[in-house]
């Protein structure tokens, strides 16, 4: 019964986040520039857990190829307790103004830890990040993410992370047609 309640609470949280972010898609005024991007993250994992948090850092690559704005990405993260996870998925950028970008991302990840058991080696990482454009399309912002096995394992405690994110384009977007 407890795992079912946890599953229902997780679904309710995702639905609430979706409902809160849906207006951003409607209000998005700018067109995203799709470039080859590198991403660096640094922050805390386990922020909603009952035990102390751990420091986590990661690197990612976002490819410029897209289908209706949905782009592939892959990355890896490691924490100070030796936990690591790596995988790939898709991201989608909303551009509510020329200086702000809201990115949604998700994908399957391989998870390895001697410290924090999440119930299965296959985990799904989902996140929302809000970044602000700085100089030459470099963006700095905040990400909130969730790592969970989606009920595939015998247990599914999941974990959340909050990280600073730095997005650096490695190629310039092609000029838009007039």
N, C-alpha and C. Protein backbone atom coordinates (compact mmCIF):
# COMPACT_ATOMS: atom_id res chain seq x y z
N UNK A 1 0.82 -1.19 0.00
CA UNK A 1 0.00 0.00 0.00
C UNK A 1 0.86 1.26 0.00
N UNK A 2 1.96 1.23 0.76
CA UNK A 2 2.84 2.39 0.85
C UNK A 2 3.47 2.71 -0.50
N UNK A 3 3.90 1.68 -1.25
CA UNK A 3 4.52 1.94 -2.56
C UNK A 3 3.49 2.47 -3.55
N UNK A 4 2.24 2.00 -3.42
CA UNK A 4 1.18 2.52 -4.30
C UNK A 4 0.92 4.00 -3.99
N UNK A 5 0.91 4.34 -2.71
CA UNK A 5 0.71 5.73 -2.31
C UNK A 5 1.85 6.59 -2.82
N UNK A 6 3.10 6.08 -2.71
CA UNK A 6 4.27 6.80 -3.21
C UNK A 6 4.15 7.00 -4.71
N UNK A 7 3.69 5.96 -5.43
CA UNK A 7 3.53 6.05 -6.88
C UNK A 7 2.48 7.10 -7.24
N UNK A 8 1.38 7.13 -6.50
CA UNK A 8 0.32 8.10 -6.77
C UNK A 8 0.82 9.51 -6.47
N UNK A 9 1.58 9.68 -5.38
CA UNK A 9 2.13 10.99 -5.06
C UNK A 9 3.11 11.45 -6.14
N UNK A 10 3.92 10.52 -6.65
CA UNK A 10 4.86 10.86 -7.72
C UNK A 10 4.14 11.29 -8.98
N UNK A 11 3.08 10.58 -9.32
CA UNK A 11 2.29 10.94 -10.50
C UNK A 11 1.64 12.30 -10.31
N UNK A 12 1.13 12.54 -9.10
CA UNK A 12 0.50 13.83 -8.83
C UNK A 12 1.50 14.97 -8.93
N UNK A 13 2.74 14.75 -8.44
CA UNK A 13 3.78 15.78 -8.55
C UNK A 13 4.09 16.08 -10.00
N UNK A 14 4.24 15.04 -10.82
CA UNK A 14 4.55 15.24 -12.24
C UNK A 14 3.42 15.97 -12.95
N UNK A 15 2.19 15.61 -12.63
CA UNK A 15 1.04 16.27 -13.24
C UNK A 15 1.00 17.75 -12.85
N UNK A 16 1.27 18.04 -11.59
CA UNK A 16 1.28 19.43 -11.13
C UNK A 16 2.36 20.23 -11.84
N UNK A 17 3.57 19.66 -11.96
CA UNK A 17 4.65 20.35 -12.66
C UNK A 17 4.25 20.59 -14.12
N UNK A 18 3.65 19.60 -14.75
CA UNK A 18 3.21 19.76 -16.13
C UNK A 18 2.18 20.87 -16.29
N UNK A 19 1.23 20.91 -15.36
CA UNK A 19 0.21 21.96 -15.42
C UNK A 19 0.79 23.34 -15.18
N UNK A 20 1.80 23.42 -14.32
CA UNK A 20 2.43 24.71 -14.07
C UNK A 20 3.28 25.18 -15.25
N UNK A 21 3.89 24.23 -15.96
CA UNK A 21 4.78 24.60 -17.06
C UNK A 21 4.06 24.74 -18.40
N UNK A 22 2.86 24.19 -18.52
CA UNK A 22 2.14 24.26 -19.79
C UNK A 22 1.95 25.68 -20.29
N UNK A 23 1.60 26.64 -19.41
CA UNK A 23 1.45 28.02 -19.92
C UNK A 23 2.72 28.58 -20.53
N UNK A 24 3.87 28.13 -20.08
CA UNK A 24 5.12 28.61 -20.68
C UNK A 24 5.19 28.23 -22.15
N UNK A 25 4.69 27.07 -22.49
CA UNK A 25 4.70 26.65 -23.90
C UNK A 25 3.81 27.56 -24.73
N UNK A 26 2.69 27.95 -24.19
CA UNK A 26 1.77 28.82 -24.92
C UNK A 26 2.31 30.24 -25.03
N UNK A 27 2.97 30.70 -23.97
CA UNK A 27 3.47 32.07 -23.95
C UNK A 27 4.83 32.23 -24.61
N UNK A 28 5.46 31.14 -24.98
CA UNK A 28 6.80 31.22 -25.56
C UNK A 28 6.77 32.10 -26.81
N UNK A 29 7.59 33.16 -26.78
CA UNK A 29 7.58 34.11 -27.89
C UNK A 29 8.76 33.94 -28.83
N UNK A 30 9.90 33.55 -28.30
CA UNK A 30 11.08 33.45 -29.14
C UNK A 30 11.22 32.07 -29.74
N UNK A 31 11.98 32.01 -30.83
CA UNK A 31 12.29 30.73 -31.44
C UNK A 31 13.65 30.27 -30.93
N UNK A 32 13.74 29.02 -30.46
CA UNK A 32 15.02 28.54 -29.96
C UNK A 32 16.06 28.46 -31.08
N UNK A 33 17.29 28.74 -30.73
CA UNK A 33 18.41 28.55 -31.65
C UNK A 33 19.02 27.20 -31.32
N UNK A 34 19.04 26.30 -32.26
CA UNK A 34 19.56 24.97 -32.00
C UNK A 34 21.03 24.91 -32.36
N UNK A 35 21.85 24.73 -31.35
CA UNK A 35 23.28 24.63 -31.53
C UNK A 35 23.79 23.42 -30.78
N UNK A 36 25.01 23.05 -31.06
CA UNK A 36 25.71 22.03 -30.31
C UNK A 36 26.09 22.67 -28.98
N UNK A 37 25.62 22.13 -27.86
CA UNK A 37 25.86 22.75 -26.56
C UNK A 37 26.53 21.78 -25.59
N UNK A 38 27.42 22.31 -24.76
CA UNK A 38 27.93 21.56 -23.63
C UNK A 38 27.28 22.14 -22.37
N UNK A 39 27.06 21.27 -21.41
CA UNK A 39 26.38 21.67 -20.18
C UNK A 39 27.17 21.16 -19.00
N UNK A 40 27.39 22.02 -18.02
CA UNK A 40 28.02 21.62 -16.77
C UNK A 40 27.03 21.86 -15.64
N UNK A 41 26.94 20.89 -14.72
CA UNK A 41 26.04 21.03 -13.58
C UNK A 41 26.82 20.80 -12.29
N UNK A 42 26.38 21.48 -11.23
CA UNK A 42 27.02 21.31 -9.92
C UNK A 42 26.00 21.66 -8.85
N UNK A 43 25.80 20.74 -7.89
CA UNK A 43 24.83 21.02 -6.84
C UNK A 43 24.71 19.90 -5.84
N UNK A 44 23.48 19.65 -5.40
CA UNK A 44 23.20 18.67 -4.36
C UNK A 44 22.20 17.63 -4.86
N UNK A 45 22.42 16.36 -4.49
CA UNK A 45 21.49 15.28 -4.79
C UNK A 45 20.98 14.72 -3.47
N UNK A 46 19.74 14.26 -3.48
CA UNK A 46 19.13 13.75 -2.26
C UNK A 46 18.49 14.85 -1.44
N UNK A 47 18.09 15.94 -2.09
CA UNK A 47 17.60 17.12 -1.36
C UNK A 47 16.26 16.87 -0.66
N UNK A 48 15.47 15.91 -1.11
CA UNK A 48 14.19 15.62 -0.46
C UNK A 48 14.26 14.35 0.37
N UNK A 49 15.45 13.76 0.51
CA UNK A 49 15.62 12.52 1.27
C UNK A 49 15.75 12.82 2.76
N UNK A 50 15.57 11.79 3.58
CA UNK A 50 15.70 11.94 5.03
C UNK A 50 17.14 11.96 5.50
N UNK A 51 18.06 11.56 4.64
CA UNK A 51 19.47 11.53 5.01
C UNK A 51 20.20 12.74 4.42
N UNK A 52 21.46 12.98 4.85
CA UNK A 52 22.19 14.15 4.33
C UNK A 52 22.36 14.11 2.81
N UNK A 53 22.41 15.29 2.21
CA UNK A 53 22.60 15.40 0.76
C UNK A 53 24.06 15.13 0.40
N UNK A 54 24.28 14.84 -0.87
CA UNK A 54 25.63 14.67 -1.41
C UNK A 54 25.84 15.68 -2.51
N UNK A 55 27.09 16.04 -2.74
CA UNK A 55 27.44 16.95 -3.83
C UNK A 55 27.47 16.15 -5.13
N UNK A 56 26.94 16.72 -6.18
CA UNK A 56 26.90 16.06 -7.48
C UNK A 56 27.37 17.04 -8.56
N UNK A 57 28.09 16.51 -9.54
CA UNK A 57 28.54 17.31 -10.68
C UNK A 57 28.35 16.49 -11.95
N UNK A 58 28.09 17.17 -13.05
CA UNK A 58 27.85 16.44 -14.29
C UNK A 58 28.26 17.23 -15.51
N UNK A 59 28.40 16.51 -16.61
CA UNK A 59 28.64 17.12 -17.92
C UNK A 59 27.67 16.48 -18.91
N UNK A 60 27.23 17.29 -19.87
CA UNK A 60 26.26 16.84 -20.86
C UNK A 60 26.59 17.45 -22.22
N UNK A 61 26.07 16.81 -23.23
CA UNK A 61 26.14 17.31 -24.61
C UNK A 61 24.71 17.35 -25.13
N UNK A 62 24.34 18.48 -25.72
CA UNK A 62 23.04 18.60 -26.39
C UNK A 62 23.30 18.82 -27.87
N UNK A 63 22.72 17.97 -28.68
CA UNK A 63 22.95 18.02 -30.12
C UNK A 63 22.00 19.02 -30.79
N UNK A 64 22.43 19.61 -31.91
CA UNK A 64 21.59 20.60 -32.59
C UNK A 64 20.44 19.97 -33.38
N UNK A 65 20.54 18.69 -33.70
CA UNK A 65 19.49 18.03 -34.49
C UNK A 65 18.19 18.04 -33.69
N UNK A 66 17.08 18.33 -34.38
CA UNK A 66 15.82 18.40 -33.66
C UNK A 66 14.67 17.96 -34.54
N UNK A 67 13.62 17.54 -33.86
CA UNK A 67 12.36 17.20 -34.49
C UNK A 67 11.30 17.99 -33.76
N UNK A 68 10.78 19.03 -34.39
CA UNK A 68 9.80 19.93 -33.78
C UNK A 68 10.31 20.50 -32.46
N UNK A 69 11.61 20.77 -32.40
CA UNK A 69 12.21 21.36 -31.21
C UNK A 69 12.72 20.36 -30.19
N UNK A 70 12.41 19.09 -30.35
CA UNK A 70 12.88 18.05 -29.42
C UNK A 70 14.27 17.61 -29.87
N UNK A 71 15.24 17.74 -28.95
CA UNK A 71 16.64 17.45 -29.30
C UNK A 71 17.21 16.33 -28.43
N UNK A 72 18.14 15.54 -28.99
CA UNK A 72 18.80 14.52 -28.18
C UNK A 72 19.90 15.12 -27.30
N UNK A 73 20.12 14.47 -26.16
CA UNK A 73 21.20 14.86 -25.27
C UNK A 73 21.73 13.61 -24.58
N UNK A 74 22.95 13.67 -24.11
CA UNK A 74 23.50 12.59 -23.30
C UNK A 74 24.44 13.20 -22.27
N UNK A 75 24.61 12.48 -21.16
CA UNK A 75 25.44 13.03 -20.10
C UNK A 75 25.75 12.02 -19.03
N UNK A 76 26.57 12.47 -18.10
CA UNK A 76 26.94 11.66 -16.94
C UNK A 76 27.12 12.56 -15.74
N UNK A 77 26.85 12.01 -14.57
CA UNK A 77 27.01 12.74 -13.31
C UNK A 77 27.66 11.83 -12.29
N UNK A 78 28.38 12.43 -11.35
CA UNK A 78 29.02 11.68 -10.27
C UNK A 78 28.85 12.46 -8.98
N UNK A 79 28.67 11.73 -7.87
CA UNK A 79 28.53 12.41 -6.58
C UNK A 79 29.76 12.14 -5.72
N UNK A 80 29.89 12.89 -4.64
CA UNK A 80 31.06 12.75 -3.78
C UNK A 80 31.08 11.44 -2.99
N UNK A 81 29.98 10.67 -3.00
CA UNK A 81 29.99 9.37 -2.33
C UNK A 81 30.28 8.22 -3.29
N UNK A 82 30.63 8.55 -4.55
CA UNK A 82 30.97 7.52 -5.54
C UNK A 82 29.83 7.10 -6.43
N UNK A 83 28.63 7.56 -6.17
CA UNK A 83 27.49 7.26 -7.02
C UNK A 83 27.69 7.92 -8.38
N UNK A 84 27.33 7.21 -9.44
CA UNK A 84 27.37 7.82 -10.76
C UNK A 84 26.20 7.32 -11.59
N UNK A 85 25.81 8.12 -12.56
CA UNK A 85 24.77 7.71 -13.50
C UNK A 85 25.06 8.35 -14.85
N UNK A 86 24.71 7.62 -15.90
CA UNK A 86 24.97 8.08 -17.27
C UNK A 86 23.86 7.60 -18.18
N UNK A 87 23.52 8.42 -19.17
CA UNK A 87 22.47 8.02 -20.09
C UNK A 87 22.23 9.07 -21.15
N UNK A 88 21.08 8.96 -21.78
CA UNK A 88 20.73 9.85 -22.88
C UNK A 88 19.22 10.03 -22.90
N UNK A 89 18.78 11.05 -23.60
CA UNK A 89 17.35 11.29 -23.69
C UNK A 89 17.06 12.45 -24.62
N UNK A 90 16.03 13.20 -24.28
CA UNK A 90 15.59 14.31 -25.11
C UNK A 90 15.35 15.55 -24.26
N UNK A 91 15.59 16.71 -24.85
CA UNK A 91 15.31 17.99 -24.20
C UNK A 91 14.42 18.83 -25.12
N UNK A 92 13.70 19.75 -24.50
CA UNK A 92 12.88 20.69 -25.25
C UNK A 92 13.02 22.05 -24.59
N UNK A 93 13.33 23.07 -25.38
CA UNK A 93 13.50 24.43 -24.87
C UNK A 93 12.26 25.27 -25.15
N UNK A 94 11.79 25.96 -24.10
CA UNK A 94 10.77 27.00 -24.24
C UNK A 94 11.52 28.32 -24.08
N UNK A 95 11.17 29.30 -24.89
CA UNK A 95 11.84 30.60 -24.82
C UNK A 95 10.78 31.66 -24.53
N UNK A 96 10.48 31.91 -23.23
CA UNK A 96 9.45 32.89 -22.91
C UNK A 96 9.85 34.33 -23.20
N UNK A 97 11.16 34.59 -23.29
CA UNK A 97 11.65 35.92 -23.65
C UNK A 97 13.05 35.73 -24.26
N UNK A 98 13.58 36.75 -24.92
CA UNK A 98 14.90 36.58 -25.55
C UNK A 98 16.03 36.21 -24.58
N UNK A 99 15.91 36.58 -23.30
CA UNK A 99 16.98 36.32 -22.35
C UNK A 99 16.78 35.07 -21.49
N UNK A 100 15.60 34.48 -21.51
CA UNK A 100 15.29 33.35 -20.63
C UNK A 100 14.94 32.11 -21.44
N UNK A 101 15.42 30.95 -20.96
CA UNK A 101 15.12 29.66 -21.58
C UNK A 101 14.70 28.69 -20.48
N UNK A 102 13.59 28.02 -20.69
CA UNK A 102 13.13 26.96 -19.80
C UNK A 102 13.30 25.65 -20.55
N UNK A 103 14.06 24.71 -19.98
CA UNK A 103 14.35 23.45 -20.64
C UNK A 103 13.75 22.30 -19.86
N UNK A 104 13.02 21.43 -20.55
CA UNK A 104 12.53 20.19 -19.98
C UNK A 104 13.35 19.06 -20.57
N UNK A 105 13.75 18.10 -19.74
CA UNK A 105 14.54 16.98 -20.23
C UNK A 105 14.17 15.69 -19.53
N UNK A 106 14.36 14.58 -20.24
CA UNK A 106 14.10 13.26 -19.66
C UNK A 106 14.85 12.21 -20.44
N UNK A 107 15.08 11.06 -19.80
CA UNK A 107 15.72 9.96 -20.47
C UNK A 107 16.12 8.85 -19.52
N UNK A 108 16.37 7.65 -20.07
CA UNK A 108 16.82 6.52 -19.24
C UNK A 108 18.31 6.65 -18.92
N UNK A 109 18.68 6.24 -17.72
CA UNK A 109 20.06 6.32 -17.26
C UNK A 109 20.46 5.04 -16.56
N UNK A 110 21.73 4.66 -16.69
CA UNK A 110 22.30 3.58 -15.89
C UNK A 110 22.77 4.20 -14.59
N UNK A 111 22.42 3.58 -13.46
CA UNK A 111 22.71 4.13 -12.14
C UNK A 111 23.54 3.13 -11.35
N UNK A 112 24.63 3.59 -10.74
CA UNK A 112 25.51 2.72 -9.95
C UNK A 112 25.85 3.43 -8.65
N UNK A 113 25.59 2.73 -7.52
CA UNK A 113 25.89 3.32 -6.22
C UNK A 113 26.10 2.24 -5.17
N UNK A 114 27.10 2.42 -4.33
CA UNK A 114 27.28 1.56 -3.16
C UNK A 114 26.60 2.17 -1.94
N UNK A 115 26.21 3.43 -2.03
CA UNK A 115 25.67 4.17 -0.89
C UNK A 115 24.15 4.31 -0.94
N UNK A 116 23.61 4.72 -2.07
CA UNK A 116 22.19 5.07 -2.17
C UNK A 116 21.48 4.11 -3.12
N UNK A 117 20.76 3.16 -2.58
CA UNK A 117 20.04 2.16 -3.36
C UNK A 117 18.73 2.76 -3.87
N UNK A 118 18.57 2.77 -5.20
CA UNK A 118 17.32 3.26 -5.78
C UNK A 118 16.46 2.14 -6.33
N UNK A 119 16.88 0.88 -6.12
CA UNK A 119 16.02 -0.25 -6.44
C UNK A 119 16.22 -0.90 -7.79
N UNK A 120 17.00 -0.29 -8.68
CA UNK A 120 17.17 -0.86 -10.03
C UNK A 120 18.33 -0.13 -10.70
N UNK A 121 19.03 -0.82 -11.60
CA UNK A 121 20.12 -0.16 -12.32
C UNK A 121 19.62 0.80 -13.38
N UNK A 122 18.43 0.54 -13.93
CA UNK A 122 17.83 1.42 -14.92
C UNK A 122 16.99 2.46 -14.19
N UNK A 123 17.34 3.72 -14.35
CA UNK A 123 16.61 4.82 -13.74
C UNK A 123 16.20 5.79 -14.84
N UNK A 124 15.22 6.60 -14.56
CA UNK A 124 14.78 7.63 -15.49
C UNK A 124 15.02 8.98 -14.84
N UNK A 125 15.73 9.84 -15.56
CA UNK A 125 16.05 11.16 -15.04
C UNK A 125 15.21 12.19 -15.79
N UNK A 126 14.49 13.00 -15.04
CA UNK A 126 13.68 14.07 -15.61
C UNK A 126 14.04 15.37 -14.90
N UNK A 127 14.02 16.46 -15.64
CA UNK A 127 14.39 17.74 -15.03
C UNK A 127 13.70 18.90 -15.71
N UNK A 128 13.67 20.00 -14.98
CA UNK A 128 13.30 21.30 -15.52
C UNK A 128 14.41 22.25 -15.11
N UNK A 129 14.85 23.06 -16.06
CA UNK A 129 15.87 24.06 -15.73
C UNK A 129 15.45 25.40 -16.31
N UNK A 130 15.82 26.44 -15.59
CA UNK A 130 15.55 27.81 -16.03
C UNK A 130 16.90 28.50 -16.12
N UNK A 131 17.23 29.00 -17.31
CA UNK A 131 18.52 29.66 -17.53
C UNK A 131 18.32 31.04 -18.11
N UNK A 132 19.30 31.89 -17.85
CA UNK A 132 19.30 33.26 -18.38
C UNK A 132 20.50 33.42 -19.29
N UNK A 133 20.25 34.02 -20.44
CA UNK A 133 21.33 34.27 -21.39
C UNK A 133 22.28 35.32 -20.83
N UNK A 134 23.56 35.03 -20.96
CA UNK A 134 24.60 35.97 -20.57
C UNK A 134 25.28 36.45 -21.85
N UNK A 135 26.57 36.43 -21.90
CA UNK A 135 27.35 36.87 -23.05
C UNK A 135 27.44 35.79 -24.12
N UNK A 136 27.16 36.13 -25.38
CA UNK A 136 27.29 35.24 -26.54
C UNK A 136 26.54 33.92 -26.36
N UNK A 137 25.32 33.99 -25.92
CA UNK A 137 24.42 32.84 -25.77
C UNK A 137 24.83 31.85 -24.69
N UNK A 138 25.84 32.15 -23.89
CA UNK A 138 26.13 31.33 -22.71
C UNK A 138 25.00 31.57 -21.73
N UNK A 139 24.50 30.49 -21.11
CA UNK A 139 23.38 30.61 -20.18
C UNK A 139 23.75 30.05 -18.81
N UNK A 140 23.24 30.68 -17.77
CA UNK A 140 23.45 30.24 -16.39
C UNK A 140 22.09 30.14 -15.72
N UNK A 141 21.90 29.06 -14.93
CA UNK A 141 20.60 28.92 -14.29
C UNK A 141 20.55 27.85 -13.23
N UNK A 142 19.34 27.40 -12.97
CA UNK A 142 19.06 26.44 -11.91
C UNK A 142 18.26 25.28 -12.48
N UNK A 143 18.59 24.06 -12.03
CA UNK A 143 17.89 22.86 -12.46
C UNK A 143 17.37 22.11 -11.25
N UNK A 144 16.15 21.58 -11.38
CA UNK A 144 15.59 20.67 -10.40
C UNK A 144 15.30 19.37 -11.15
N UNK A 145 15.83 18.26 -10.64
CA UNK A 145 15.68 16.99 -11.33
C UNK A 145 15.20 15.88 -10.41
N UNK A 146 14.68 14.81 -11.02
CA UNK A 146 14.20 13.65 -10.29
C UNK A 146 14.72 12.39 -10.96
N UNK A 147 15.27 11.48 -10.17
CA UNK A 147 15.81 10.21 -10.66
C UNK A 147 14.99 9.09 -10.02
N UNK A 148 14.39 8.23 -10.85
CA UNK A 148 13.49 7.19 -10.35
C UNK A 148 13.49 6.01 -11.32
N UNK A 149 13.21 4.81 -10.79
CA UNK A 149 13.14 3.64 -11.68
C UNK A 149 11.73 3.41 -12.22
N UNK A 150 10.82 4.31 -11.96
CA UNK A 150 9.45 4.26 -12.50
C UNK A 150 8.72 2.99 -12.10
N UNK A 151 9.06 2.44 -10.95
CA UNK A 151 8.38 1.24 -10.46
C UNK A 151 8.89 -0.06 -11.03
N UNK A 152 10.01 -0.04 -11.77
CA UNK A 152 10.55 -1.27 -12.34
C UNK A 152 11.27 -2.13 -11.30
N UNK A 153 11.77 -1.52 -10.25
CA UNK A 153 12.50 -2.25 -9.22
C UNK A 153 11.61 -2.67 -8.08
N UNK A 154 12.17 -3.50 -7.18
CA UNK A 154 11.40 -3.97 -6.02
C UNK A 154 11.10 -2.83 -5.05
N UNK A 155 11.97 -1.79 -5.06
CA UNK A 155 11.71 -0.55 -4.33
C UNK A 155 11.92 0.59 -5.31
N UNK A 156 11.33 1.74 -5.00
CA UNK A 156 11.46 2.89 -5.89
C UNK A 156 11.46 4.17 -5.06
N UNK A 157 12.54 4.39 -4.27
CA UNK A 157 12.55 5.59 -3.44
C UNK A 157 12.73 6.87 -4.24
N UNK A 158 13.42 6.81 -5.37
CA UNK A 158 13.70 8.01 -6.15
C UNK A 158 14.55 8.99 -5.37
N UNK A 159 15.05 9.99 -6.04
CA UNK A 159 15.82 11.05 -5.38
C UNK A 159 15.76 12.30 -6.24
N UNK A 160 15.89 13.44 -5.59
CA UNK A 160 15.84 14.72 -6.29
C UNK A 160 17.19 15.43 -6.20
N UNK A 161 17.47 16.24 -7.21
CA UNK A 161 18.68 17.06 -7.16
C UNK A 161 18.34 18.50 -7.53
N UNK A 162 19.14 19.40 -7.00
CA UNK A 162 19.06 20.82 -7.33
C UNK A 162 20.48 21.24 -7.68
N UNK A 163 20.65 21.76 -8.90
CA UNK A 163 22.00 22.10 -9.36
C UNK A 163 22.02 23.44 -10.08
N UNK A 164 23.17 24.08 -10.03
CA UNK A 164 23.45 25.20 -10.92
C UNK A 164 23.78 24.60 -12.27
N UNK A 165 23.42 25.27 -13.33
CA UNK A 165 23.68 24.76 -14.67
C UNK A 165 24.29 25.87 -15.52
N UNK A 166 25.32 25.49 -16.27
CA UNK A 166 25.98 26.40 -17.21
C UNK A 166 25.90 25.77 -18.59
N UNK A 167 25.28 26.47 -19.54
CA UNK A 167 25.10 25.98 -20.90
C UNK A 167 25.98 26.81 -21.81
N UNK A 168 26.89 26.15 -22.53
CA UNK A 168 27.84 26.84 -23.41
C UNK A 168 27.68 26.32 -24.83
N UNK A 169 27.27 27.18 -25.77
CA UNK A 169 27.16 26.72 -27.17
C UNK A 169 28.56 26.56 -27.77
N UNK A 170 28.75 25.48 -28.52
CA UNK A 170 30.03 25.26 -29.19
C UNK A 170 29.97 25.61 -30.66
N UNK A 171 28.77 25.88 -31.15
CA UNK A 171 28.62 26.34 -32.53
C UNK A 171 27.54 27.39 -32.54
N UNK A 172 27.62 28.27 -33.48
CA UNK A 172 26.62 29.33 -33.60
C UNK A 172 25.42 28.79 -34.38
N UNK A 173 24.24 29.22 -34.01
CA UNK A 173 23.03 28.83 -34.75
C UNK A 173 23.07 29.49 -36.11
N UNK A 174 22.60 28.78 -37.13
CA UNK A 174 22.56 29.40 -38.46
C UNK A 174 21.60 30.57 -38.44
N UNK A 175 21.88 31.61 -39.25
CA UNK A 175 20.97 32.75 -39.30
C UNK A 175 19.60 32.31 -39.79
N UNK A 176 18.57 32.93 -39.26
CA UNK A 176 17.20 32.59 -39.67
C UNK A 176 16.90 33.24 -41.01
N UNK A 177 16.11 32.53 -41.80
CA UNK A 177 15.69 33.07 -43.10
C UNK A 177 14.76 34.24 -42.89
N UNK A 178 14.85 35.22 -43.74
CA UNK A 178 13.99 36.40 -43.62
C UNK A 178 12.65 36.13 -44.23
